[in-house]
């Protein structure tokens, strides 16, 4: 049949084989082209991969907060007072728990807090004045009681640097100073104790048993504070510091009982303070925030005739604005 076909085309036998080979190769090329082009024919218009929207990049956990932040707050610290407090060498032991503080306040407490941050640098401080009146014992001196008005004031300022500076978490180291004021008005109840005569002589008072005095000092302070966001607009905060380092220690004395009389005795001088606070912070809106926590401040100060070994401890509620 092939010979007949090629004979009709007037092609010789020798050339017949070469033509057949070329036709077979041509048929295979056409078939391969059709098979390979089928997906393109049925695929529709050409798809441009460059126009595909890239998937969103995952957000980093540590996002840097804005450059400048200013916070102003008004703390409401319901601080109870306990420990030893002394004026002119007379040491008393007031004990007013935080749930009784409102009935013992003689003046409305004054307090304010300011916090400014620029990039990683922080400048912050606060102040407090508290006047408490209470009955107190005279341990180791007289078998009687006294009424004491204890005035406590502090103003502290610090410079800090954030070693962790994230929107969700921060950690700062800070240094600064704390100004402390202590005043006392003491009225001793006259129970007829014969040693009261000697006490008047030591205090330089003749016919009365009430007196007052005050002192103030400044301590260096080192500390750390941090905050971490635990859920949406709720954060956990904490702060601790230590101050004094015996910077104002020198000589100290107390009036103590010696047998049937009383005398002025030298005692060890000291100047230390410790503070810790923490709780929850709620960012109520873009501008307003609220803190609910606990604050504890312990003094270990003994200089001249003044003794302040009191602890201020109680819940703290602070509300403020931020810019």
Protein backbone atom coordinates (compact mmCIF):
# COMPACT_ATOMS: atom_id res chain seq x y z
CA UNK A 1 0.00 0.00 0.00
CA UNK A 2 2.83 2.36 0.95
CA UNK A 3 4.66 1.45 -2.22
CA UNK A 4 1.57 2.16 -4.20
CA UNK A 5 1.17 5.55 -2.50
CA UNK A 6 4.76 6.57 -3.04
CA UNK A 7 4.71 5.13 -6.58
CA UNK A 8 1.81 7.39 -7.31
CA UNK A 9 3.90 10.25 -5.97
CA UNK A 10 6.64 8.99 -8.34
CA UNK A 11 9.10 8.54 -5.47
CA UNK A 12 11.63 5.79 -5.67
CA UNK A 13 12.13 3.00 -3.20
CA UNK A 14 15.34 4.51 -1.78
CA UNK A 15 13.81 7.84 -1.26
CA UNK A 16 10.65 6.20 0.09
CA UNK A 17 12.29 5.21 3.35
CA UNK A 18 13.76 8.62 3.97
CA UNK A 19 10.43 10.33 3.39
CA UNK A 20 8.64 7.89 5.66
CA UNK A 21 11.14 8.65 8.44
CA UNK A 22 10.66 12.39 8.08
CA UNK A 23 6.88 12.02 8.09
CA UNK A 24 6.99 9.94 11.29
CA UNK A 25 9.18 12.57 13.00
CA UNK A 26 6.86 15.33 11.88
CA UNK A 27 3.80 13.46 13.21
CA UNK A 28 5.45 12.94 16.59
CA UNK A 29 6.36 16.64 16.83
CA UNK A 30 2.79 17.68 16.01
CA UNK A 31 1.38 15.23 18.56
CA UNK A 32 3.75 16.40 21.30
CA UNK A 33 2.90 20.05 20.62
CA UNK A 34 -0.84 19.34 20.89
CA UNK A 35 -0.45 17.43 24.17
CA UNK A 36 1.73 20.06 25.80
CA UNK A 37 -0.42 22.97 24.67
CA UNK A 38 -3.70 21.46 25.92
CA UNK A 39 -3.38 22.77 29.56
CA UNK A 40 -2.63 26.23 28.21
CA UNK A 41 -5.65 26.16 25.90
CA UNK A 42 -8.04 25.12 28.66
CA UNK A 43 -6.40 27.16 31.46
CA UNK A 44 -8.02 30.40 30.41
CA UNK A 45 -6.24 33.78 30.63
CA UNK A 46 -2.65 33.89 31.83
CA UNK A 47 -2.21 34.17 35.69
CA UNK A 48 0.25 36.85 36.89
CA UNK A 49 1.91 35.66 40.12
CA UNK A 50 3.46 39.09 40.70
CA UNK A 51 -0.02 40.54 41.33
CA UNK A 52 -0.78 38.14 44.20
CA UNK A 53 -1.14 39.89 47.61
CA UNK A 54 1.62 38.64 49.96
CA UNK A 55 0.48 37.13 53.28
CA UNK A 56 0.61 39.51 56.27
CA UNK A 57 3.85 39.43 58.20
CA UNK A 58 3.56 38.21 61.83
CA UNK A 59 3.70 41.05 64.33
CA UNK A 60 6.75 41.01 66.65
CA UNK A 61 6.03 40.38 70.33
CA UNK A 62 8.13 43.37 71.43
CA UNK A 63 6.71 46.50 69.83
CA UNK A 64 8.46 49.73 70.84
CA UNK A 65 6.07 52.15 72.56
CA UNK A 66 5.68 55.75 71.49
CA UNK A 67 8.60 58.10 72.10
CA UNK A 68 7.05 60.35 74.78
CA UNK A 69 4.60 59.46 77.54
CA UNK A 70 3.39 61.57 80.49
CA UNK A 71 1.35 60.14 83.36
CA UNK A 72 -0.14 62.08 86.28
CA UNK A 73 -1.89 60.25 89.10
CA UNK A 74 -3.44 60.83 92.50
CA UNK A 75 -2.65 57.94 94.87
CA UNK A 76 -5.06 57.00 97.60
CA UNK A 77 -2.85 55.05 100.02
CA UNK A 78 -4.71 53.74 103.06
CA UNK A 79 -1.50 53.15 105.01
CA UNK A 80 -1.63 51.74 108.49
CA UNK A 81 1.16 52.66 110.92
CA UNK A 82 2.97 50.26 113.24
CA UNK A 83 6.34 50.04 114.95
CA UNK A 84 8.35 52.44 117.13
CA UNK A 85 8.48 56.20 116.82
CA UNK A 86 10.44 58.53 119.09
CA UNK A 87 10.91 62.24 119.76
CA UNK A 88 13.53 63.65 122.18
CA UNK A 89 14.49 60.09 123.09
CA UNK A 90 10.96 59.10 124.17
CA UNK A 91 9.99 56.05 122.11
CA UNK A 92 6.32 55.16 121.63
CA UNK A 93 4.69 52.25 119.83
CA UNK A 94 1.71 53.44 117.78
CA UNK A 95 -0.34 50.72 116.12
CA UNK A 96 -3.05 51.78 113.68
CA UNK A 97 -4.10 49.22 111.06
CA UNK A 98 -5.12 50.34 107.59
CA UNK A 99 -8.80 49.59 108.24
CA UNK A 100 -8.73 52.00 111.21
CA UNK A 101 -6.74 54.78 109.57
CA UNK A 102 -9.76 56.90 108.64
CA UNK A 103 -10.80 57.24 112.28
CA UNK A 104 -7.28 58.31 113.32
CA UNK A 105 -6.46 60.82 110.59
CA UNK A 106 -6.21 64.38 111.86
CA UNK A 107 -5.74 65.86 108.36
CA UNK A 108 -6.69 64.79 104.86
CA UNK A 109 -3.70 62.94 103.33
CA UNK A 110 -1.99 64.79 100.49
CA UNK A 111 -0.39 62.86 97.63
CA UNK A 112 0.60 63.22 93.98
CA UNK A 113 2.45 61.12 91.39
CA UNK A 114 4.16 62.24 88.14
CA UNK A 115 5.81 59.93 85.57
CA UNK A 116 7.52 61.08 82.35
CA UNK A 117 9.21 58.77 79.84
CA UNK A 118 11.26 59.78 76.79
CA UNK A 119 12.35 56.77 74.72
CA UNK A 120 14.07 54.54 77.31
CA UNK A 121 14.66 57.26 79.94
CA UNK A 122 12.21 57.75 82.80
CA UNK A 123 11.74 60.63 85.25
CA UNK A 124 9.21 60.01 88.00
CA UNK A 125 8.36 60.72 91.60
CA UNK A 126 5.60 61.07 94.15
CA UNK A 127 4.84 62.63 97.51
CA UNK A 128 2.74 61.95 100.58
CA UNK A 129 1.87 63.68 103.86
CA UNK A 130 0.09 61.79 106.63
CA UNK A 131 -0.94 62.94 110.13
CA UNK A 132 -2.17 60.25 112.49
CA UNK A 133 -3.30 60.57 116.08
CA UNK A 134 -3.44 57.52 118.36
CA UNK A 135 -2.82 56.20 121.83
CA UNK A 136 0.55 54.56 122.34
CA UNK A 137 2.47 52.70 125.00
CA UNK A 138 5.86 53.69 126.40
CA UNK A 139 7.72 50.37 126.35
CA UNK A 140 10.66 50.09 128.72
CA UNK A 141 10.09 53.55 130.22
CA UNK A 142 6.92 54.16 132.22
CA UNK A 143 3.89 52.15 133.22
CA UNK A 144 1.56 54.60 131.54
CA UNK A 145 0.25 55.50 128.12
CA UNK A 146 0.57 58.54 125.89
CA UNK A 147 -1.31 60.21 123.11
CA UNK A 148 0.82 60.80 120.02
CA UNK A 149 0.31 62.78 116.84
CA UNK A 150 2.64 61.31 114.27
CA UNK A 151 3.37 63.38 111.15
CA UNK A 152 4.98 61.52 108.28
CA UNK A 153 5.92 63.10 104.98
CA UNK A 154 7.92 61.95 102.00
CA UNK A 155 8.85 63.24 98.57
CA UNK A 156 10.87 61.08 96.20
CA UNK A 157 12.27 61.58 92.73
CA UNK A 158 14.05 59.11 90.45
CA UNK A 159 15.78 58.75 87.10
CA UNK A 160 15.36 55.36 85.44
CA UNK A 161 16.45 53.53 82.33
CA UNK A 162 14.41 50.81 80.63
CA UNK A 163 16.45 47.69 79.97
CA UNK A 164 13.29 46.14 78.47
CA UNK A 165 11.27 48.65 76.45
CA UNK A 166 8.25 46.94 74.89
CA UNK A 167 4.61 47.92 74.66
CA UNK A 168 3.58 44.67 76.34
CA UNK A 169 6.35 44.54 78.95
CA UNK A 170 8.95 46.82 80.51
CA UNK A 171 11.69 46.61 83.13
CA UNK A 172 13.52 49.65 84.52
CA UNK A 173 16.43 50.25 86.88
CA UNK A 174 16.36 53.58 88.71
CA UNK A 175 18.23 55.74 91.20
CA UNK A 176 17.26 58.86 93.07
CA UNK A 177 16.56 60.32 96.47
CA UNK A 178 13.82 60.25 99.10
CA UNK A 179 13.11 63.20 101.37
CA UNK A 180 11.54 62.11 104.65
CA UNK A 181 9.94 64.23 107.34
CA UNK A 182 9.06 63.09 110.84
CA UNK A 183 7.24 65.09 113.46
CA UNK A 184 5.72 64.09 116.75
CA UNK A 185 3.44 65.65 119.33
CA UNK A 186 3.50 63.57 122.52
CA UNK A 187 1.25 63.90 125.59
CA UNK A 188 2.05 61.55 128.47
CA UNK A 189 -0.76 60.63 130.87
CA UNK A 190 0.14 61.49 134.46
CA UNK A 191 -0.57 58.43 136.56
CA UNK A 192 1.37 59.63 139.60
CA UNK A 193 4.56 57.75 138.73
CA UNK A 194 7.47 59.31 140.66
CA UNK A 195 9.75 58.89 137.66
CA UNK A 196 7.80 61.55 135.79
CA UNK A 197 9.73 64.17 137.78
CA UNK A 198 13.02 62.80 136.47
CA UNK A 199 11.55 62.64 132.95
CA UNK A 200 10.69 66.33 133.09
CA UNK A 201 14.26 67.11 134.09
CA UNK A 202 15.71 65.13 131.17
CA UNK A 203 13.34 66.76 128.69
CA UNK A 204 13.75 70.25 130.13
CA UNK A 205 10.04 70.69 130.88
CA UNK A 206 8.80 71.59 134.36
CA UNK A 207 5.10 71.43 134.84
CA UNK A 208 3.74 69.68 131.80
CA UNK A 209 4.01 66.31 130.10
CA UNK A 210 3.39 67.23 126.48
CA UNK A 211 6.07 68.23 123.96
CA UNK A 212 6.84 68.08 120.24
CA UNK A 213 9.75 68.08 117.81
CA UNK A 214 10.50 67.27 114.18
CA UNK A 215 13.33 66.33 111.84
CA UNK A 216 13.95 65.71 108.15
CA UNK A 217 16.57 63.88 106.11
CA UNK A 218 17.37 62.85 102.52
CA UNK A 219 18.37 59.30 101.55
CA UNK A 220 19.86 57.91 98.34
CA UNK A 221 17.63 55.23 96.78
CA UNK A 222 18.18 52.39 94.29
CA UNK A 223 15.44 50.22 92.84
CA UNK A 224 13.72 48.47 89.98
CA UNK A 225 10.21 48.39 88.57
CA UNK A 226 8.38 46.60 85.80
CA UNK A 227 5.05 46.01 84.13
CA UNK A 228 3.69 43.24 81.90
CA UNK A 229 0.39 43.13 80.01
CA UNK A 230 -1.54 39.99 80.96
CA UNK A 231 -4.84 40.49 79.12
CA UNK A 232 -5.98 43.25 76.74
CA UNK A 233 -5.97 46.49 78.79
CA UNK A 234 -4.96 44.79 82.06
CA UNK A 235 -1.36 44.80 83.28
CA UNK A 236 0.54 43.53 86.30
CA UNK A 237 3.00 46.02 87.86
CA UNK A 238 5.60 45.82 90.63
CA UNK A 239 8.24 48.11 92.15
CA UNK A 240 10.86 47.72 94.88
CA UNK A 241 13.62 49.94 96.25
CA UNK A 242 16.08 50.26 99.10
CA UNK A 243 17.45 53.51 100.49
CA UNK A 244 19.46 55.13 103.24
CA UNK A 245 22.60 53.01 103.31
CA UNK A 246 23.38 54.66 106.69
CA UNK A 247 24.00 57.95 104.89
CA UNK A 248 22.59 59.96 107.83
CA UNK A 249 23.62 57.74 110.71
CA UNK A 250 25.74 59.24 113.48
CA UNK A 251 24.88 59.14 117.15
CA UNK A 252 21.55 58.41 118.80
CA UNK A 253 20.07 58.20 122.28
CA UNK A 254 16.92 57.07 124.04
CA UNK A 255 15.52 57.67 127.51
CA UNK A 256 15.15 54.31 129.21
CA UNK A 257 14.26 52.94 132.62
CA UNK A 258 17.10 52.00 134.98
CA UNK A 259 15.75 50.35 138.08
CA UNK A 260 13.63 52.87 139.92
CA UNK A 261 14.77 55.80 137.86
CA UNK A 262 15.21 56.70 134.20
CA UNK A 263 18.31 57.82 132.30
CA UNK A 264 19.52 58.87 128.89
CA UNK A 265 21.30 56.01 127.12
CA UNK A 266 23.31 55.90 123.89
CA UNK A 267 21.94 53.53 121.25
CA UNK A 268 23.04 52.43 117.80
CA UNK A 269 22.32 54.87 115.01
CA UNK A 270 20.87 53.70 111.68
CA UNK A 271 19.41 55.02 108.44
CA UNK A 272 17.73 52.54 106.07
CA UNK A 273 14.43 52.30 104.25
CA UNK A 274 12.73 49.59 102.20
CA UNK A 275 9.72 49.83 99.90
CA UNK A 276 7.75 47.39 97.77
CA UNK A 277 4.46 47.79 95.91
CA UNK A 278 2.51 46.01 93.23
CA UNK A 279 -0.91 45.22 91.82
CA UNK A 280 -3.06 45.51 88.71
CA UNK A 281 -3.38 48.39 86.28
CA UNK A 282 -6.41 48.95 84.05
CA UNK A 283 -6.26 51.21 80.99
CA UNK A 284 -9.88 52.33 81.13
CA UNK A 285 -9.68 54.49 78.02
CA UNK A 286 -7.05 56.11 75.83
CA UNK A 287 -6.45 58.81 78.45
CA UNK A 288 -7.48 57.34 81.81
CA UNK A 289 -5.97 54.53 83.88
CA UNK A 290 -6.52 52.98 87.29
CA UNK A 291 -4.22 51.03 89.62
CA UNK A 292 -5.30 48.75 92.45
CA UNK A 293 -2.58 47.26 94.63
CA UNK A 294 -0.68 47.17 97.92
CA UNK A 295 2.21 49.36 99.13
CA UNK A 296 4.65 48.76 102.00
CA UNK A 297 7.31 51.20 103.26
CA UNK A 298 9.59 50.37 106.19
CA UNK A 299 11.86 52.87 107.95
CA UNK A 300 14.85 51.99 110.12
CA UNK A 301 16.00 55.45 111.21
CA UNK A 302 17.61 56.32 114.53
CA UNK A 303 19.48 59.62 114.77
CA UNK A 304 19.87 62.03 117.68
CA UNK A 305 16.76 61.70 119.82
CA UNK A 306 14.56 60.73 116.86
CA UNK A 307 13.45 57.18 116.20
CA UNK A 308 11.47 56.09 113.16
CA UNK A 309 11.23 52.33 112.96
CA UNK A 310 7.69 52.37 111.61
CA UNK A 311 6.10 50.48 108.76
CA UNK A 312 3.49 52.07 106.52
CA UNK A 313 1.40 49.36 104.89
CA UNK A 314 -1.97 49.17 103.21
CA UNK A 315 -3.99 49.07 99.98
CA UNK A 316 -3.38 51.73 97.36
CA UNK A 317 -5.85 52.98 94.77
CA UNK A 318 -4.45 55.37 92.17
CA UNK A 319 -6.27 57.04 89.30
CA UNK A 320 -4.70 59.21 86.65
CA UNK A 321 -4.38 60.42 83.09
CA UNK A 322 -1.74 59.76 80.45
CA UNK A 323 -0.71 61.78 77.41
